[in-house]
Every structure is written in structure tokens, then in C-alpha cells.
Amino acid sequence: SALVGVFNLMGGIDFVSSLLKGVSDTPII
């Protein structure tokens, strides 16, 4: 929880989210 909290403050969760969503326009992928 400490690591995820720091990573979130860094903007990391938004970054990983954009990476995953960039994999495909198809949600199931």
C-alpha cells in the first residue's frame, strides 16, 4: 500500500493505465 501510494502520487498509475489501454482499442484484449 505504501509503494502503490507513492507510485500513484508520481502519476504512475495513470501512466500504466494509458499503456494498458494503448495495447488495443478492444476492451477484452
Full PDB file with SEQRES, HELIX, SHEET, SSBOND, CRYST1, ORIGX, SCALE, CONECT and MASTER records, all heavy atoms in Angstrom:
SEQRES   1 A   29  SER ALA LEU VAL GLY VAL PHE ASN LEU MET GLY GLY ILE          
SEQRES   2 A   29  ASP PHE VAL SER SER LEU LEU LYS GLY VAL SER ASP THR          
SEQRES   3 A   29  PRO ILE ILE                                                  
HELIX    1 AA1 ALA A    2  LEU A    9  1                                   8    
HELIX    2 AA2 GLY A   12  LYS A   21  1                                  10    
CRYST1    1.000    1.000    1.000  90.00  90.00  90.00 P 1           1          
ORIGX1      1.000000  0.000000  0.000000        0.00000                         
ORIGX2      0.000000  1.000000  0.000000        0.00000                         
ORIGX3      0.000000  0.000000  1.000000        0.00000                         
SCALE1      1.000000  0.000000  0.000000        0.00000                         
SCALE2      0.000000  1.000000  0.000000        0.00000                         
SCALE3      0.000000  0.000000  1.000000        0.00000                         
ATOM      1  N   SER A   1       0.831  -1.206   0.000  1.00  0.00           N  
ATOM      2  CA  SER A   1       0.000   0.000   0.000  1.00  0.00           C  
ATOM      3  C   SER A   1       0.866   1.256   0.000  1.00  0.00           C  
ATOM      4  O   SER A   1       0.511   2.259  -0.628  1.00  0.00           O  
ATOM      5  CB  SER A   1      -0.963   0.000   1.196  1.00  0.00           C  
ATOM      6  OG  SER A   1      -0.259  -0.082   2.415  1.00  0.00           O  
ATOM      7  N   ALA A   2       2.010   1.199   0.681  1.00  0.00           N  
ATOM      8  CA  ALA A   2       2.935   2.336   0.670  1.00  0.00           C  
ATOM      9  C   ALA A   2       3.494   2.557  -0.732  1.00  0.00           C  
ATOM     10  O   ALA A   2       3.521   3.692  -1.239  1.00  0.00           O  
ATOM     11  CB  ALA A   2       4.074   2.096   1.659  1.00  0.00           C  
ATOM     12  N   LEU A   3       3.918   1.470  -1.384  1.00  0.00           N  
ATOM     13  CA  LEU A   3       4.506   1.588  -2.725  1.00  0.00           C  
ATOM     14  C   LEU A   3       3.487   2.083  -3.743  1.00  0.00           C  
ATOM     15  O   LEU A   3       3.778   2.972  -4.558  1.00  0.00           O  
ATOM     16  CB  LEU A   3       5.086   0.240  -3.158  1.00  0.00           C  
ATOM     17  CG  LEU A   3       5.799   0.218  -4.515  1.00  0.00           C  
ATOM     18  CD1 LEU A   3       7.002   1.149  -4.511  1.00  0.00           C  
ATOM     19  CD2 LEU A   3       6.223  -1.195  -4.887  1.00  0.00           C  
ATOM     20  N   VAL A   4       2.280   1.511  -3.699  1.00  0.00           N  
ATOM     21  CA  VAL A   4       1.235   1.921  -4.640  1.00  0.00           C  
ATOM     22  C   VAL A   4       0.849   3.386  -4.396  1.00  0.00           C  
ATOM     23  O   VAL A   4       0.605   4.138  -5.349  1.00  0.00           O  
ATOM     24  CB  VAL A   4      -0.007   1.001  -4.521  1.00  0.00           C  
ATOM     25  CG1 VAL A   4      -1.181   1.565  -5.310  1.00  0.00           C  
ATOM     26  CG2 VAL A   4       0.330  -0.400  -5.032  1.00  0.00           C  
ATOM     27  N   GLY A   5       0.835   3.805  -3.122  1.00  0.00           N  
ATOM     28  CA  GLY A   5       0.522   5.194  -2.805  1.00  0.00           C  
ATOM     29  C   GLY A   5       1.538   6.160  -3.398  1.00  0.00           C  
ATOM     30  O   GLY A   5       1.169   7.179  -3.994  1.00  0.00           O  
ATOM     31  N   VAL A   6       2.821   5.844  -3.237  1.00  0.00           N  
ATOM     32  CA  VAL A   6       3.885   6.688  -3.795  1.00  0.00           C  
ATOM     33  C   VAL A   6       3.815   6.681  -5.321  1.00  0.00           C  
ATOM     34  O   VAL A   6       3.934   7.730  -5.974  1.00  0.00           O  
ATOM     35  CB  VAL A   6       5.270   6.208  -3.300  1.00  0.00           C  
ATOM     36  CG1 VAL A   6       6.396   6.937  -4.042  1.00  0.00           C  
ATOM     37  CG2 VAL A   6       5.410   6.418  -1.804  1.00  0.00           C  
ATOM     38  N   PHE A   7       3.621   5.486  -5.898  1.00  0.00           N  
ATOM     39  CA  PHE A   7       3.549   5.356  -7.358  1.00  0.00           C  
ATOM     40  C   PHE A   7       2.375   6.158  -7.923  1.00  0.00           C  
ATOM     41  O   PHE A   7       2.481   6.780  -8.985  1.00  0.00           O  
ATOM     42  CB  PHE A   7       3.424   3.876  -7.724  1.00  0.00           C  
ATOM     43  CG  PHE A   7       3.612   3.579  -9.189  1.00  0.00           C  
ATOM     44  CD1 PHE A   7       4.727   4.012  -9.869  1.00  0.00           C  
ATOM     45  CD2 PHE A   7       2.648   2.850  -9.894  1.00  0.00           C  
ATOM     46  CE1 PHE A   7       4.909   3.737 -11.213  1.00  0.00           C  
ATOM     47  CE2 PHE A   7       2.816   2.567 -11.230  1.00  0.00           C  
ATOM     48  CZ  PHE A   7       3.955   3.006 -11.899  1.00  0.00           C  
ATOM     49  N   ASN A   8       1.277   6.163  -7.195  1.00  0.00           N  
ATOM     50  CA  ASN A   8       0.098   6.934  -7.610  1.00  0.00           C  
ATOM     51  C   ASN A   8       0.396   8.431  -7.590  1.00  0.00           C  
ATOM     52  O   ASN A   8       0.038   9.173  -8.515  1.00  0.00           O  
ATOM     53  CB  ASN A   8      -1.073   6.616  -6.679  1.00  0.00           C  
ATOM     54  CG  ASN A   8      -2.389   7.168  -7.194  1.00  0.00           C  
ATOM     55  OD1 ASN A   8      -2.533   7.487  -8.367  1.00  0.00           O  
ATOM     56  ND2 ASN A   8      -3.360   7.293  -6.313  1.00  0.00           N  
ATOM     57  N   LEU A   9       1.069   8.898  -6.517  1.00  0.00           N  
ATOM     58  CA  LEU A   9       1.431  10.310  -6.416  1.00  0.00           C  
ATOM     59  C   LEU A   9       2.389  10.726  -7.538  1.00  0.00           C  
ATOM     60  O   LEU A   9       2.351  11.859  -8.021  1.00  0.00           O  
ATOM     61  CB  LEU A   9       2.091  10.588  -5.061  1.00  0.00           C  
ATOM     62  CG  LEU A   9       1.165  10.640  -3.841  1.00  0.00           C  
ATOM     63  CD1 LEU A   9       1.984  10.738  -2.566  1.00  0.00           C  
ATOM     64  CD2 LEU A   9       0.202  11.816  -3.945  1.00  0.00           C  
ATOM     65  N   MET A  10       3.235   9.808  -7.959  1.00  0.00           N  
ATOM     66  CA  MET A  10       4.164  10.076  -9.066  1.00  0.00           C  
ATOM     67  C   MET A  10       3.436  10.211 -10.404  1.00  0.00           C  
ATOM     68  O   MET A  10       3.997  10.701 -11.375  1.00  0.00           O  
ATOM     69  CB  MET A  10       5.186   8.931  -9.176  1.00  0.00           C  
ATOM     70  CG  MET A  10       6.214   8.869  -8.069  1.00  0.00           C  
ATOM     71  SD  MET A  10       7.088   7.263  -8.028  1.00  0.00           S  
ATOM     72  CE  MET A  10       7.709   7.149  -9.717  1.00  0.00           C  
ATOM     73  N   GLY A  11       2.187   9.742 -10.430  1.00  0.00           N  
ATOM     74  CA  GLY A  11       1.450   9.712 -11.694  1.00  0.00           C  
ATOM     75  C   GLY A  11       1.624   8.393 -12.416  1.00  0.00           C  
ATOM     76  O   GLY A  11       1.252   8.249 -13.586  1.00  0.00           O  
ATOM     77  N   GLY A  12       2.174   7.412 -11.689  1.00  0.00           N  
ATOM     78  CA  GLY A  12       2.489   6.115 -12.299  1.00  0.00           C  
ATOM     79  C   GLY A  12       1.266   5.311 -12.682  1.00  0.00           C  
ATOM     80  O   GLY A  12       1.261   4.632 -13.715  1.00  0.00           O  
ATOM     81  N   ILE A  13       0.216   5.405 -11.860  1.00  0.00           N  
ATOM     82  CA  ILE A  13      -0.979   4.611 -12.154  1.00  0.00           C  
ATOM     83  C   ILE A  13      -1.639   5.105 -13.445  1.00  0.00           C  
ATOM     84  O   ILE A  13      -2.077   4.304 -14.282  1.00  0.00           O  
ATOM     85  CB  ILE A  13      -1.956   4.636 -10.957  1.00  0.00           C  
ATOM     86  CG1 ILE A  13      -1.337   3.842  -9.790  1.00  0.00           C  
ATOM     87  CG2 ILE A  13      -3.313   4.072 -11.330  1.00  0.00           C  
ATOM     88  CD1 ILE A  13      -2.169   3.774  -8.538  1.00  0.00           C  
ATOM     89  N   ASP A  14      -1.686   6.412 -13.627  1.00  0.00           N  
ATOM     90  CA  ASP A  14      -2.226   6.970 -14.884  1.00  0.00           C  
ATOM     91  C   ASP A  14      -1.356   6.566 -16.074  1.00  0.00           C  
ATOM     92  O   ASP A  14      -1.863   6.278 -17.159  1.00  0.00           O  
ATOM     93  CB  ASP A  14      -2.306   8.505 -14.800  1.00  0.00           C  
ATOM     94  CG  ASP A  14      -3.369   8.966 -13.820  1.00  0.00           C  
ATOM     95  OD1 ASP A  14      -4.307   8.182 -13.564  1.00  0.00           O  
ATOM     96  OD2 ASP A  14      -3.252  10.087 -13.300  1.00  0.00           O  
ATOM     97  N   PHE A  15      -0.033   6.520 -15.828  1.00  0.00           N  
ATOM     98  CA  PHE A  15       0.906   6.141 -16.890  1.00  0.00           C  
ATOM     99  C   PHE A  15       0.692   4.683 -17.313  1.00  0.00           C  
ATOM    100  O   PHE A  15       0.586   4.380 -18.504  1.00  0.00           O  
ATOM    101  CB  PHE A  15       2.341   6.348 -16.397  1.00  0.00           C  
ATOM    102  CG  PHE A  15       3.400   5.848 -17.349  1.00  0.00           C  
ATOM    103  CD1 PHE A  15       3.637   6.503 -18.557  1.00  0.00           C  
ATOM    104  CD2 PHE A  15       4.150   4.722 -17.040  1.00  0.00           C  
ATOM    105  CE1 PHE A  15       4.617   6.037 -19.431  1.00  0.00           C  
ATOM    106  CE2 PHE A  15       5.121   4.251 -17.901  1.00  0.00           C  
ATOM    107  CZ  PHE A  15       5.354   4.915 -19.102  1.00  0.00           C  
ATOM    108  N   VAL A  16       0.613   3.783 -16.314  1.00  0.00           N  
ATOM    109  CA  VAL A  16       0.399   2.350 -16.613  1.00  0.00           C  
ATOM    110  C   VAL A  16      -0.968   2.152 -17.250  1.00  0.00           C  
ATOM    111  O   VAL A  16      -1.121   1.344 -18.177  1.00  0.00           O  
ATOM    112  CB  VAL A  16       0.540   1.503 -15.319  1.00  0.00           C  
ATOM    113  CG1 VAL A  16       0.149   0.050 -15.587  1.00  0.00           C  
ATOM    114  CG2 VAL A  16       1.960   1.565 -14.792  1.00  0.00           C  
ATOM    115  N   SER A  17      -1.968   2.903 -16.771  1.00  0.00           N  
ATOM    116  CA  SER A  17      -3.316   2.815 -17.341  1.00  0.00           C  
ATOM    117  C   SER A  17      -3.312   3.182 -18.821  1.00  0.00           C  
ATOM    118  O   SER A  17      -3.918   2.477 -19.643  1.00  0.00           O  
ATOM    119  CB  SER A  17      -4.266   3.732 -16.567  1.00  0.00           C  
ATOM    120  OG  SER A  17      -5.548   3.738 -17.142  1.00  0.00           O  
ATOM    121  N   SER A  18      -2.612   4.258 -19.161  1.00  0.00           N  
ATOM    122  CA  SER A  18      -2.548   4.672 -20.579  1.00  0.00           C  
ATOM    123  C   SER A  18      -1.795   3.643 -21.412  1.00  0.00           C  
ATOM    124  O   SER A  18      -2.143   3.395 -22.576  1.00  0.00           O  
ATOM    125  CB  SER A  18      -1.888   6.042 -20.707  1.00  0.00           C  
ATOM    126  OG  SER A  18      -0.545   5.992 -20.272  1.00  0.00           O  
ATOM    127  N   LEU A  19      -0.771   3.017 -20.809  1.00  0.00           N  
ATOM    128  CA  LEU A  19      -0.030   1.969 -21.525  1.00  0.00           C  
ATOM    129  C   LEU A  19      -0.926   0.780 -21.833  1.00  0.00           C  
ATOM    130  O   LEU A  19      -0.936   0.257 -22.957  1.00  0.00           O  
ATOM    131  CB  LEU A  19       1.164   1.495 -20.690  1.00  0.00           C  
ATOM    132  CG  LEU A  19       2.451   2.309 -20.732  1.00  0.00           C  
ATOM    133  CD1 LEU A  19       3.510   1.655 -19.850  1.00  0.00           C  
ATOM    134  CD2 LEU A  19       2.977   2.446 -22.149  1.00  0.00           C  
ATOM    135  N   LEU A  20      -1.677   0.326 -20.803  1.00  0.00           N  
ATOM    136  CA  LEU A  20      -2.545  -0.844 -20.980  1.00  0.00           C  
ATOM    137  C   LEU A  20      -3.667  -0.555 -21.980  1.00  0.00           C  
ATOM    138  O   LEU A  20      -3.974  -1.386 -22.844  1.00  0.00           O  
ATOM    139  CB  LEU A  20      -3.145  -1.275 -19.645  1.00  0.00           C  
ATOM    140  CG  LEU A  20      -2.226  -2.085 -18.722  1.00  0.00           C  
ATOM    141  CD1 LEU A  20      -2.850  -2.249 -17.350  1.00  0.00           C  
ATOM    142  CD2 LEU A  20      -1.924  -3.450 -19.327  1.00  0.00           C  
ATOM    143  N   LYS A  21      -4.249   0.638 -21.859  1.00  0.00           N  
ATOM    144  CA  LYS A  21      -5.324   0.990 -22.788  1.00  0.00           C  
ATOM    145  C   LYS A  21      -4.795   1.172 -24.210  1.00  0.00           C  
ATOM    146  O   LYS A  21      -5.539   1.008 -25.189  1.00  0.00           O  
ATOM    147  CB  LYS A  21      -6.030   2.265 -22.324  1.00  0.00           C  
ATOM    148  CG  LYS A  21      -6.892   2.059 -21.090  1.00  0.00           C  
ATOM    149  CD  LYS A  21      -7.537   3.350 -20.639  1.00  0.00           C  
ATOM    150  CE  LYS A  21      -8.374   3.166 -19.395  1.00  0.00           C  
ATOM    151  NZ  LYS A  21      -8.938   4.440 -18.898  1.00  0.00           N  
ATOM    152  N   GLY A  22      -3.509   1.489 -24.311  1.00  0.00           N  
ATOM    153  CA  GLY A  22      -2.897   1.652 -25.628  1.00  0.00           C  
ATOM    154  C   GLY A  22      -2.579   0.339 -26.311  1.00  0.00           C  
ATOM    155  O   GLY A  22      -2.226   0.316 -27.491  1.00  0.00           O  
ATOM    156  N   VAL A  23      -2.685  -0.756 -25.576  1.00  0.00           N  
ATOM    157  CA  VAL A  23      -2.421  -2.083 -26.165  1.00  0.00           C  
ATOM    158  C   VAL A  23      -3.396  -2.366 -27.291  1.00  0.00           C  
ATOM    159  O   VAL A  23      -3.035  -2.896 -28.349  1.00  0.00           O  
ATOM    160  CB  VAL A  23      -2.524  -3.184 -25.077  1.00  0.00           C  
ATOM    161  CG1 VAL A  23      -2.535  -4.579 -25.708  1.00  0.00           C  
ATOM    162  CG2 VAL A  23      -1.382  -3.059 -24.090  1.00  0.00           C  
ATOM    163  N   SER A  24      -4.667  -2.004 -27.073  1.00  0.00           N  
ATOM    164  CA  SER A  24      -5.700  -2.258 -28.080  1.00  0.00           C  
ATOM    165  C   SER A  24      -6.921  -1.382 -27.788  1.00  0.00           C  
ATOM    166  O   SER A  24      -7.149  -0.972 -26.642  1.00  0.00           O  
ATOM    167  CB  SER A  24      -6.103  -3.741 -28.057  1.00  0.00           C  
ATOM    168  OG  SER A  24      -7.211  -3.980 -28.889  1.00  0.00           O  
ATOM    169  N   ASP A  25      -7.685  -1.117 -28.829  1.00  0.00           N  
ATOM    170  CA  ASP A  25      -8.952  -0.402 -28.651  1.00  0.00           C  
ATOM    171  C   ASP A  25     -10.067  -1.345 -28.213  1.00  0.00           C  
ATOM    172  O   ASP A  25     -11.159  -0.904 -27.863  1.00  0.00           O  
ATOM    173  CB  ASP A  25      -9.359   0.287 -29.971  1.00  0.00           C  
ATOM    174  CG  ASP A  25      -8.409   1.416 -30.339  1.00  0.00           C  
ATOM    175  OD1 ASP A  25      -7.836   2.014 -29.410  1.00  0.00           O  
ATOM    176  OD2 ASP A  25      -8.234   1.684 -31.538  1.00  0.00           O  
ATOM    177  N   THR A  26      -9.782  -2.649 -28.270  1.00  0.00           N  
ATOM    178  CA  THR A  26     -10.772  -3.650 -27.873  1.00  0.00           C  
ATOM    179  C   THR A  26     -10.620  -3.961 -26.394  1.00  0.00           C  
ATOM    180  O   THR A  26      -9.565  -4.456 -25.959  1.00  0.00           O  
ATOM    181  CB  THR A  26     -10.580  -4.959 -28.683  1.00  0.00           C  
ATOM    182  OG1 THR A  26     -10.538  -4.646 -30.069  1.00  0.00           O  
ATOM    183  CG2 THR A  26     -11.699  -5.934 -28.392  1.00  0.00           C  
ATOM    184  N   PRO A  27     -11.630  -3.662 -25.569  1.00  0.00           N  
ATOM    185  CA  PRO A  27     -11.504  -3.858 -24.110  1.00  0.00           C  
ATOM    186  C   PRO A  27     -11.090  -5.266 -23.702  1.00  0.00           C  
ATOM    187  O   PRO A  27     -10.298  -5.434 -22.770  1.00  0.00           O  
ATOM    188  CB  PRO A  27     -12.910  -3.522 -23.597  1.00  0.00           C  
ATOM    189  CG  PRO A  27     -13.470  -2.579 -24.600  1.00  0.00           C  
ATOM    190  CD  PRO A  27     -12.923  -3.041 -25.918  1.00  0.00           C  
ATOM    191  N   ILE A  28     -11.608  -6.271 -24.393  1.00  0.00           N  
ATOM    192  CA  ILE A  28     -11.309  -7.651 -23.993  1.00  0.00           C  
ATOM    193  C   ILE A  28      -9.822  -7.968 -24.156  1.00  0.00           C  
ATOM    194  O   ILE A  28      -9.250  -8.755 -23.393  1.00  0.00           O  
ATOM    195  CB  ILE A  28     -12.188  -8.663 -24.792  1.00  0.00           C  
ATOM    196  CG1 ILE A  28     -12.202 -10.024 -24.086  1.00  0.00           C  
ATOM    197  CG2 ILE A  28     -11.707  -8.807 -26.217  1.00  0.00           C  
ATOM    198  CD1 ILE A  28     -12.909 -10.023 -22.775  1.00  0.00           C  
ATOM    199  N   ILE A  29      -9.163  -7.338 -25.138  1.00  0.00           N  
ATOM    200  CA  ILE A  29      -7.720  -7.544 -25.332  1.00  0.00           C  
ATOM    201  C   ILE A  29      -6.952  -6.961 -24.148  1.00  0.00           C  
ATOM    202  O   ILE A  29      -5.960  -7.539 -23.685  1.00  0.00           O  
ATOM    203  CB  ILE A  29      -7.241  -6.897 -26.659  1.00  0.00           C  
ATOM    204  CG1 ILE A  29      -7.972  -7.510 -27.862  1.00  0.00           C  
ATOM    205  CG2 ILE A  29      -5.731  -7.055 -26.820  1.00  0.00           C  
ATOM    206  CD1 ILE A  29      -7.710  -8.993 -28.059  1.00  0.00           C  
TER     207      ILE A  29                                                      
MASTER        0    0    0    2    0    0    0    6  206    1    0    3          
END                                                                             
